[in-house]
Amino acid sequence: MTISTGTIESIIRQAGELAMQHYHNVANLEITKKSARDLVTEADVAVEALLKEKLTQEYPQFGFWGEETGQTDNQDSRWIVDPIDGTHSFSKGQYFWSISVALEIDGQLEFGAVFAPALDDYYCAEKGKGAFKNGTAIHVSKEDDLGSSMIATGFACLRSYLEDNNLERFARIAQLTTGQRRFGSAAMDLCLVADGQVDAFWEQELNLYDVAAGALMVQEAGGTMTNFKGEQGIFPKQVFATNGLLLPQLLPLM
């Protein structure tokens, strides 16, 4: 694989600048709905268009899968993009949203980047080369006591129709930990696990573009990615990231 991480960062930061233009004018943001609770803004569409154009121009050998525009040809080697992960937060003028870009080749994640423009935090990881935040290597936490841990989760807007809507699981786990967080961007949640700011994160009924880049970040930072049964891998319908040390304690609670 031959890519330039500097070139990719430059493209993603250009997308971040475009997103911030919309963010600073959020009062006039055009918002539509894919469904009753699933928002899409003009910023989502514009940011994805920029990423698709620039990444495809720079690397025409790779296909593209974006949340808003779907899949192009050549899905064996592809960019996987969520232009704004945390659209609801973005639309409210909150800080916690991100641009997520991953490169998958023959079913293996080779590169991932998550950029939070409002925080100016850029996370990236390459397979076998570690994970970084703003150029500095990051690692998962060393917390091994569930009672002292901080955990994060999410309650996806599309999960309300499910019998398992995560509320019972959250209540079961939350009372056994010290802190609970619900930020609203799965991509950023995974980066916080990778950076040791959060000890574990789970969510369900997501899509690969929500978690691909962040999942690679966790793995390259020394953490574990499993489903709720503890099987190793990336399972968008059951995303479970830990620092590894807490996995045996949390897994029976999932």
C-alpha atoms as a PDB file:
ATOM      1  CA  MET A   1       0.000   0.000   0.000  1.00  0.00           C
ATOM      2  CA  THR A   2       1.391   3.369  -1.008  1.00  0.00           C
ATOM      3  CA  ILE A   3      -0.368   6.370   0.450  1.00  0.00           C
ATOM      4  CA  SER A   4       0.837   9.678   1.803  1.00  0.00           C
ATOM      5  CA  THR A   5      -0.537  10.263   5.280  1.00  0.00           C
ATOM      6  CA  GLY A   6       0.420  13.921   4.936  1.00  0.00           C
ATOM      7  CA  THR A   7      -1.587  14.292   1.756  1.00  0.00           C
ATOM      8  CA  ILE A   8      -4.580  12.574   3.340  1.00  0.00           C
ATOM      9  CA  GLU A   9      -4.367  14.798   6.401  1.00  0.00           C
ATOM     10  CA  SER A  10      -4.286  17.854   4.163  1.00  0.00           C
ATOM     11  CA  ILE A  11      -7.444  16.693   2.368  1.00  0.00           C
ATOM     12  CA  ILE A  12      -9.238  15.933   5.633  1.00  0.00           C
ATOM     13  CA  ARG A  13      -8.255  19.304   7.078  1.00  0.00           C
ATOM     14  CA  GLN A  14      -9.659  20.987   3.957  1.00  0.00           C
ATOM     15  CA  ALA A  15     -12.888  19.118   4.641  1.00  0.00           C
ATOM     16  CA  GLY A  16     -12.701  20.324   8.218  1.00  0.00           C
ATOM     17  CA  GLU A  17     -12.389  23.931   7.100  1.00  0.00           C
ATOM     18  CA  LEU A  18     -15.472  23.521   4.935  1.00  0.00           C
ATOM     19  CA  ALA A  19     -17.380  21.934   7.809  1.00  0.00           C
ATOM     20  CA  MET A  20     -16.400  24.798  10.108  1.00  0.00           C
ATOM     21  CA  GLN A  21     -17.761  27.354   7.640  1.00  0.00           C
ATOM     22  CA  HIS A  22     -21.157  25.710   8.006  1.00  0.00           C
ATOM     23  CA  TYR A  23     -20.667  25.239  11.756  1.00  0.00           C
ATOM     24  CA  HIS A  24     -20.108  28.966  12.291  1.00  0.00           C
ATOM     25  CA  ASN A  25     -23.390  29.611  10.475  1.00  0.00           C
ATOM     26  CA  VAL A  26     -25.323  26.848  12.181  1.00  0.00           C
ATOM     27  CA  ALA A  27     -28.366  29.057  12.785  1.00  0.00           C
ATOM     28  CA  ASN A  28     -28.965  29.084   9.029  1.00  0.00           C
ATOM     29  CA  LEU A  29     -28.006  25.463   8.387  1.00  0.00           C
ATOM     30  CA  GLU A  30     -30.249  23.576   5.983  1.00  0.00           C
ATOM     31  CA  ILE A  31     -31.363  20.369   7.695  1.00  0.00           C
ATOM     32  CA  THR A  32     -33.388  17.507   6.275  1.00  0.00           C
ATOM     33  CA  LYS A  33     -34.301  14.093   7.651  1.00  0.00           C
ATOM     34  CA  LYS A  34     -33.568  10.624   6.307  1.00  0.00           C
ATOM     35  CA  SER A  35     -36.102   9.359   8.820  1.00  0.00           C
ATOM     36  CA  ALA A  36     -37.942  10.705  11.859  1.00  0.00           C
ATOM     37  CA  ARG A  37     -34.750  10.995  13.953  1.00  0.00           C
ATOM     38  CA  ASP A  38     -31.915  10.693  11.444  1.00  0.00           C
ATOM     39  CA  LEU A  39     -30.700  14.130  10.368  1.00  0.00           C
ATOM     40  CA  VAL A  40     -28.610  15.169   7.400  1.00  0.00           C
ATOM     41  CA  THR A  41     -27.379  18.710   6.837  1.00  0.00           C
ATOM     42  CA  GLU A  42     -26.022  20.551   3.838  1.00  0.00           C
ATOM     43  CA  ALA A  43     -22.649  20.345   5.587  1.00  0.00           C
ATOM     44  CA  ASP A  44     -22.709  16.524   5.540  1.00  0.00           C
ATOM     45  CA  VAL A  45     -23.334  16.566   1.805  1.00  0.00           C
ATOM     46  CA  ALA A  46     -20.736  19.234   1.038  1.00  0.00           C
ATOM     47  CA  VAL A  47     -17.996  17.675   3.169  1.00  0.00           C
ATOM     48  CA  GLU A  48     -18.535  14.249   1.640  1.00  0.00           C
ATOM     49  CA  ALA A  49     -18.454  15.718  -1.863  1.00  0.00           C
ATOM     50  CA  LEU A  50     -15.105  17.360  -1.145  1.00  0.00           C
ATOM     51  CA  LEU A  51     -13.617  14.195   0.336  1.00  0.00           C
ATOM     52  CA  LYS A  52     -14.896  12.055  -2.513  1.00  0.00           C
ATOM     53  CA  GLU A  53     -13.492  14.403  -5.142  1.00  0.00           C
ATOM     54  CA  LYS A  54     -10.085  14.902  -3.511  1.00  0.00           C
ATOM     55  CA  LEU A  55      -9.471  11.301  -2.382  1.00  0.00           C
ATOM     56  CA  THR A  56     -10.607   9.838  -5.699  1.00  0.00           C
ATOM     57  CA  GLN A  57      -8.481  12.312  -7.610  1.00  0.00           C
ATOM     58  CA  GLU A  58      -5.399  11.517  -5.518  1.00  0.00           C
ATOM     59  CA  TYR A  59      -5.997   7.754  -5.361  1.00  0.00           C
ATOM     60  CA  PRO A  60      -8.115   6.650  -8.333  1.00  0.00           C
ATOM     61  CA  GLN A  61      -7.294   2.983  -7.620  1.00  0.00           C
ATOM     62  CA  PHE A  62      -9.545   3.001  -4.544  1.00  0.00           C
ATOM     63  CA  GLY A  63     -13.326   2.941  -4.485  1.00  0.00           C
ATOM     64  CA  PHE A  64     -15.423   5.105  -2.186  1.00  0.00           C
ATOM     65  CA  TRP A  65     -18.172   4.400   0.332  1.00  0.00           C
ATOM     66  CA  GLY A  66     -19.698   7.469   1.920  1.00  0.00           C
ATOM     67  CA  GLU A  67     -22.653   7.708   4.256  1.00  0.00           C
ATOM     68  CA  GLU A  68     -24.451  10.201   2.046  1.00  0.00           C
ATOM     69  CA  THR A  69     -23.572   9.043  -1.488  1.00  0.00           C
ATOM     70  CA  GLY A  70     -23.200   5.297  -1.042  1.00  0.00           C
ATOM     71  CA  GLN A  71     -20.747   3.016  -2.829  1.00  0.00           C
ATOM     72  CA  THR A  72     -18.851   3.413  -6.077  1.00  0.00           C
ATOM     73  CA  ASP A  73     -17.152   0.664  -8.071  1.00  0.00           C
ATOM     74  CA  ASN A  74     -14.140  -1.228  -6.676  1.00  0.00           C
ATOM     75  CA  GLN A  75     -15.291  -1.949  -3.145  1.00  0.00           C
ATOM     76  CA  ASP A  76     -12.425  -4.412  -2.642  1.00  0.00           C
ATOM     77  CA  SER A  77     -10.177  -1.430  -1.956  1.00  0.00           C
ATOM     78  CA  ARG A  78     -12.082   1.582  -0.723  1.00  0.00           C
ATOM     79  CA  TRP A  79     -12.272   4.719   1.334  1.00  0.00           C
ATOM     80  CA  ILE A  80     -14.934   4.473   4.035  1.00  0.00           C
ATOM     81  CA  VAL A  81     -16.179   7.929   4.993  1.00  0.00           C
ATOM     82  CA  ASP A  82     -18.551   9.505   7.470  1.00  0.00           C
ATOM     83  CA  PRO A  83     -18.425  13.215   6.579  1.00  0.00           C
ATOM     84  CA  ILE A  84     -19.838  14.362   9.910  1.00  0.00           C
ATOM     85  CA  ASP A  85     -20.180  11.791  12.645  1.00  0.00           C
ATOM     86  CA  GLY A  86     -22.370  13.428  15.252  1.00  0.00           C
ATOM     87  CA  THR A  87     -24.620  15.404  12.925  1.00  0.00           C
ATOM     88  CA  HIS A  88     -27.135  16.181  15.665  1.00  0.00           C
ATOM     89  CA  SER A  89     -24.402  17.663  17.870  1.00  0.00           C
ATOM     90  CA  PHE A  90     -23.102  19.624  14.875  1.00  0.00           C
ATOM     91  CA  SER A  91     -26.571  20.990  14.123  1.00  0.00           C
ATOM     92  CA  LYS A  92     -26.879  22.225  17.723  1.00  0.00           C
ATOM     93  CA  GLY A  93     -23.546  24.037  17.649  1.00  0.00           C
ATOM     94  CA  GLN A  94     -21.853  21.594  20.019  1.00  0.00           C
ATOM     95  CA  TYR A  95     -18.150  20.726  19.735  1.00  0.00           C
ATOM     96  CA  PHE A  96     -18.246  16.941  19.747  1.00  0.00           C
ATOM     97  CA  TRP A  97     -18.492  15.828  16.111  1.00  0.00           C
ATOM     98  CA  SER A  98     -15.917  14.511  13.697  1.00  0.00           C
ATOM     99  CA  ILE A  99     -14.900  13.606  10.164  1.00  0.00           C
ATOM    100  CA  SER A 100     -14.052   9.914   9.841  1.00  0.00           C
ATOM    101  CA  VAL A 101     -11.992   8.466   6.968  1.00  0.00           C
ATOM    102  CA  ALA A 102     -10.698   4.908   6.725  1.00  0.00           C
ATOM    103  CA  LEU A 103      -8.968   2.917   4.004  1.00  0.00           C
ATOM    104  CA  GLU A 104      -9.910  -0.745   3.706  1.00  0.00           C
ATOM    105  CA  ILE A 105      -8.072  -3.099   1.331  1.00  0.00           C
ATOM    106  CA  ASP A 106      -9.267  -6.670   0.826  1.00  0.00           C
ATOM    107  CA  GLY A 107     -11.281  -6.574   4.030  1.00  0.00           C
ATOM    108  CA  GLN A 108      -8.443  -5.221   6.184  1.00  0.00           C
ATOM    109  CA  LEU A 109      -8.348  -1.718   7.636  1.00  0.00           C
ATOM    110  CA  GLU A 110      -5.015  -0.200   6.661  1.00  0.00           C
ATOM    111  CA  PHE A 111      -5.462   3.452   7.633  1.00  0.00           C
ATOM    112  CA  GLY A 112      -7.844   5.528   9.683  1.00  0.00           C
ATOM    113  CA  ALA A 113      -8.190   9.199  10.543  1.00  0.00           C
ATOM    114  CA  VAL A 114     -10.700  11.006  12.732  1.00  0.00           C
ATOM    115  CA  PHE A 115     -10.644  14.793  12.785  1.00  0.00           C
ATOM    116  CA  ALA A 116     -12.622  16.904  15.243  1.00  0.00           C
ATOM    117  CA  PRO A 117     -12.411  20.381  13.637  1.00  0.00           C
ATOM    118  CA  ALA A 118     -14.132  22.265  16.462  1.00  0.00           C
ATOM    119  CA  LEU A 119     -11.545  20.846  18.899  1.00  0.00           C
ATOM    120  CA  ASP A 120      -8.665  20.831  16.376  1.00  0.00           C
ATOM    121  CA  ASP A 121      -7.816  17.234  17.305  1.00  0.00           C
ATOM    122  CA  TYR A 122      -6.537  14.978  14.531  1.00  0.00           C
ATOM    123  CA  TYR A 123      -6.272  11.252  15.238  1.00  0.00           C
ATOM    124  CA  CYS A 124      -4.699   8.831  12.794  1.00  0.00           C
ATOM    125  CA  ALA A 125      -3.502   5.243  12.683  1.00  0.00           C
ATOM    126  CA  GLU A 126      -1.826   2.946  10.208  1.00  0.00           C
ATOM    127  CA  LYS A 127      -1.973  -0.816  10.527  1.00  0.00           C
ATOM    128  CA  GLY A 128       1.083  -1.995  12.429  1.00  0.00           C
ATOM    129  CA  LYS A 129       2.401   1.533  12.998  1.00  0.00           C
ATOM    130  CA  GLY A 130       0.505   2.734  16.060  1.00  0.00           C
ATOM    131  CA  ALA A 131      -2.035   5.457  16.738  1.00  0.00           C
ATOM    132  CA  PHE A 132      -1.434   9.176  17.092  1.00  0.00           C
ATOM    133  CA  LYS A 133      -3.187  12.336  18.237  1.00  0.00           C
ATOM    134  CA  ASN A 134      -1.864  15.575  16.783  1.00  0.00           C
ATOM    135  CA  GLY A 135       1.402  13.790  15.976  1.00  0.00           C
ATOM    136  CA  THR A 136       1.954  12.248  19.420  1.00  0.00           C
ATOM    137  CA  ALA A 137       1.624   8.501  20.018  1.00  0.00           C
ATOM    138  CA  ILE A 138      -1.387   7.480  22.104  1.00  0.00           C
ATOM    139  CA  HIS A 139      -2.209   4.362  24.101  1.00  0.00           C
ATOM    140  CA  VAL A 140      -5.215   2.934  25.890  1.00  0.00           C
ATOM    141  CA  SER A 141      -5.521   3.382  29.635  1.00  0.00           C
ATOM    142  CA  LYS A 142      -4.079   1.060  32.266  1.00  0.00           C
ATOM    143  CA  GLU A 143      -7.240   1.050  34.376  1.00  0.00           C
ATOM    144  CA  ASP A 144      -7.961  -2.486  35.596  1.00  0.00           C
ATOM    145  CA  ASP A 145     -10.652  -1.791  38.210  1.00  0.00           C
ATOM    146  CA  LEU A 146     -14.186  -1.589  36.845  1.00  0.00           C
ATOM    147  CA  GLY A 147     -15.266   0.375  39.910  1.00  0.00           C
ATOM    148  CA  SER A 148     -12.780   3.126  39.076  1.00  0.00           C
ATOM    149  CA  SER A 149     -13.391   3.133  35.344  1.00  0.00           C
ATOM    150  CA  MET A 150     -15.040   5.613  33.023  1.00  0.00           C
ATOM    151  CA  ILE A 151     -17.203   4.122  30.290  1.00  0.00           C
ATOM    152  CA  ALA A 152     -18.993   5.597  27.302  1.00  0.00           C
ATOM    153  CA  THR A 153     -21.923   4.445  25.221  1.00  0.00           C
ATOM    154  CA  GLY A 154     -24.517   5.752  22.820  1.00  0.00           C
ATOM    155  CA  PHE A 155     -28.218   5.499  22.121  1.00  0.00           C
ATOM    156  CA  ALA A 156     -28.542   5.598  18.361  1.00  0.00           C
ATOM    157  CA  CYS A 157     -31.558   7.429  17.021  1.00  0.00           C
ATOM    158  CA  LEU A 158     -32.444   4.411  14.869  1.00  0.00           C
ATOM    159  CA  ARG A 159     -32.579   1.940  17.767  1.00  0.00           C
ATOM    160  CA  SER A 160     -35.886   2.966  19.340  1.00  0.00           C
ATOM    161  CA  TYR A 161     -37.814   0.210  17.555  1.00  0.00           C
ATOM    162  CA  LEU A 162     -35.582  -2.553  18.977  1.00  0.00           C
ATOM    163  CA  GLU A 163     -36.422  -4.553  22.064  1.00  0.00           C
ATOM    164  CA  ASP A 164     -32.748  -4.258  23.038  1.00  0.00           C
ATOM    165  CA  ASN A 165     -32.418  -0.472  23.034  1.00  0.00           C
ATOM    166  CA  ASN A 166     -29.312  -0.405  25.282  1.00  0.00           C
ATOM    167  CA  LEU A 167     -31.061   1.143  28.286  1.00  0.00           C
ATOM    168  CA  GLU A 168     -31.008  -1.987  30.438  1.00  0.00           C
ATOM    169  CA  ARG A 169     -27.374  -2.688  29.526  1.00  0.00           C
ATOM    170  CA  PHE A 170     -26.390   0.876  30.358  1.00  0.00           C
ATOM    171  CA  ALA A 171     -28.153   0.784  33.730  1.00  0.00           C
ATOM    172  CA  ARG A 172     -26.509  -2.536  34.568  1.00  0.00           C
ATOM    173  CA  ILE A 173     -23.009  -1.323  33.788  1.00  0.00           C
ATOM    174  CA  ALA A 174     -23.254   2.312  34.866  1.00  0.00           C
ATOM    175  CA  GLN A 175     -23.910   1.546  38.520  1.00  0.00           C
ATOM    176  CA  LEU A 176     -20.689  -0.487  38.687  1.00  0.00           C
ATOM    177  CA  THR A 177     -18.416   2.263  37.336  1.00  0.00           C
ATOM    178  CA  THR A 178     -17.278   5.677  38.483  1.00  0.00           C
ATOM    179  CA  GLY A 179     -18.149   7.714  35.410  1.00  0.00           C
ATOM    180  CA  GLN A 180     -20.392   7.431  32.378  1.00  0.00           C
ATOM    181  CA  ARG A 181     -20.276   9.541  29.244  1.00  0.00           C
ATOM    182  CA  ARG A 182     -22.494   9.864  26.168  1.00  0.00           C
ATOM    183  CA  PHE A 183     -20.812  12.123  23.617  1.00  0.00           C
ATOM    184  CA  GLY A 184     -22.744  11.482  20.410  1.00  0.00           C
ATOM    185  CA  SER A 185     -19.972  10.561  17.959  1.00  0.00           C
ATOM    186  CA  ALA A 186     -18.937   6.912  17.877  1.00  0.00           C
ATOM    187  CA  ALA A 187     -15.811   7.781  15.893  1.00  0.00           C
ATOM    188  CA  MET A 188     -14.684  10.156  18.619  1.00  0.00           C
ATOM    189  CA  ASP A 189     -15.717   7.781  21.399  1.00  0.00           C
ATOM    190  CA  LEU A 190     -13.375   5.176  19.949  1.00  0.00           C
ATOM    191  CA  CYS A 191     -10.575   7.725  19.735  1.00  0.00           C
ATOM    192  CA  LEU A 192     -11.064   8.541  23.415  1.00  0.00           C
ATOM    193  CA  VAL A 193     -10.624   4.861  24.258  1.00  0.00           C
ATOM    194  CA  ALA A 194      -7.475   4.809  22.134  1.00  0.00           C
ATOM    195  CA  ASP A 195      -6.220   7.936  23.909  1.00  0.00           C
ATOM    196  CA  GLY A 196      -6.884   6.567  27.411  1.00  0.00           C
ATOM    197  CA  GLN A 197      -9.475   9.236  28.209  1.00  0.00           C
ATOM    198  CA  VAL A 198     -12.227   6.623  28.371  1.00  0.00           C
ATOM    199  CA  ASP A 199     -11.636   3.038  29.470  1.00  0.00           C
ATOM    200  CA  ALA A 200     -14.344   1.328  27.405  1.00  0.00           C
ATOM    201  CA  PHE A 201     -17.070   2.121  24.892  1.00  0.00           C
ATOM    202  CA  TRP A 202     -19.910   0.160  23.382  1.00  0.00           C
ATOM    203  CA  GLU A 203     -22.769   0.850  21.025  1.00  0.00           C
ATOM    204  CA  GLN A 204     -24.930  -1.136  18.653  1.00  0.00           C
ATOM    205  CA  GLU A 205     -26.756  -0.881  15.327  1.00  0.00           C
ATOM    206  CA  LEU A 206     -24.120   1.322  13.731  1.00  0.00           C
ATOM    207  CA  ASN A 207     -22.580   1.192  10.260  1.00  0.00           C
ATOM    208  CA  LEU A 208     -19.008   0.531   9.217  1.00  0.00           C
ATOM    209  CA  TYR A 209     -18.482   4.150   8.214  1.00  0.00           C
ATOM    210  CA  ASP A 210     -19.277   5.172  11.806  1.00  0.00           C
ATOM    211  CA  VAL A 211     -16.566   3.038  13.360  1.00  0.00           C
ATOM    212  CA  ALA A 212     -13.944   1.909  10.822  1.00  0.00           C
ATOM    213  CA  ALA A 213     -11.340   4.606  11.475  1.00  0.00           C
ATOM    214  CA  GLY A 214     -11.909   4.697  15.230  1.00  0.00           C
ATOM    215  CA  ALA A 215     -11.742   0.922  15.540  1.00  0.00           C
ATOM    216  CA  LEU A 216      -8.308   0.839  13.916  1.00  0.00           C
ATOM    217  CA  MET A 217      -7.283   3.591  16.325  1.00  0.00           C
ATOM    218  CA  VAL A 218      -8.234   1.432  19.315  1.00  0.00           C
ATOM    219  CA  GLN A 219      -6.427  -1.617  17.977  1.00  0.00           C
ATOM    220  CA  GLU A 220      -3.255   0.310  17.156  1.00  0.00           C
ATOM    221  CA  ALA A 221      -3.323   1.944  20.602  1.00  0.00           C
ATOM    222  CA  GLY A 222      -3.292  -1.480  22.282  1.00  0.00           C
ATOM    223  CA  GLY A 223      -7.008  -1.942  22.963  1.00  0.00           C
ATOM    224  CA  THR A 224      -9.500  -4.629  22.019  1.00  0.00           C
ATOM    225  CA  MET A 225     -12.346  -4.550  19.522  1.00  0.00           C
ATOM    226  CA  THR A 226     -14.941  -7.307  19.934  1.00  0.00           C
ATOM    227  CA  ASN A 227     -18.651  -7.944  19.744  1.00  0.00           C
ATOM    228  CA  PHE A 228     -20.770  -8.488  22.846  1.00  0.00           C
ATOM    229  CA  LYS A 229     -19.704 -12.158  22.895  1.00  0.00           C
ATOM    230  CA  GLY A 230     -16.032 -11.271  23.061  1.00  0.00           C
ATOM    231  CA  GLU A 231     -15.244 -12.358  19.503  1.00  0.00           C
ATOM    232  CA  GLN A 232     -12.333 -10.353  18.098  1.00  0.00           C
ATOM    233  CA  GLY A 233     -13.059  -8.097  15.144  1.00  0.00           C
ATOM    234  CA  ILE A 234     -15.049  -5.076  14.050  1.00  0.00           C
ATOM    235  CA  PHE A 235     -18.783  -5.623  14.291  1.00  0.00           C
ATOM    236  CA  PRO A 236     -20.734  -2.419  13.536  1.00  0.00           C
ATOM    237  CA  LYS A 237     -23.930  -3.910  14.939  1.00  0.00           C
ATOM    238  CA  GLN A 238     -22.179  -4.648  18.261  1.00  0.00           C
ATOM    239  CA  VAL A 239     -19.248  -2.304  18.818  1.00  0.00           C
ATOM    240  CA  PHE A 240     -17.319  -3.052  22.007  1.00  0.00           C
ATOM    241  CA  ALA A 241     -13.975  -1.340  22.607  1.00  0.00           C
ATOM    242  CA  THR A 242     -11.915  -1.659  25.779  1.00  0.00           C
ATOM    243  CA  ASN A 243      -8.422  -1.073  27.076  1.00  0.00           C
ATOM    244  CA  GLY A 244      -8.096  -4.869  27.252  1.00  0.00           C
ATOM    245  CA  LEU A 245      -7.710  -4.982  31.032  1.00  0.00           C
ATOM    246  CA  LEU A 246     -11.406  -4.380  31.648  1.00  0.00           C
ATOM    247  CA  LEU A 247     -12.660  -6.805  28.990  1.00  0.00           C
ATOM    248  CA  PRO A 248     -13.042  -9.801  31.370  1.00  0.00           C
ATOM    249  CA  GLN A 249     -15.026  -7.695  33.860  1.00  0.00           C
ATOM    250  CA  LEU A 250     -17.292  -5.999  31.313  1.00  0.00           C
ATOM    251  CA  LEU A 251     -17.978  -8.889  28.984  1.00  0.00           C
ATOM    252  CA  PRO A 252     -20.344 -10.791  31.355  1.00  0.00           C
ATOM    253  CA  LEU A 253     -22.377  -7.575  31.707  1.00  0.00           C
ATOM    254  CA  MET A 254     -22.920  -7.111  27.980  1.00  0.00           C
END
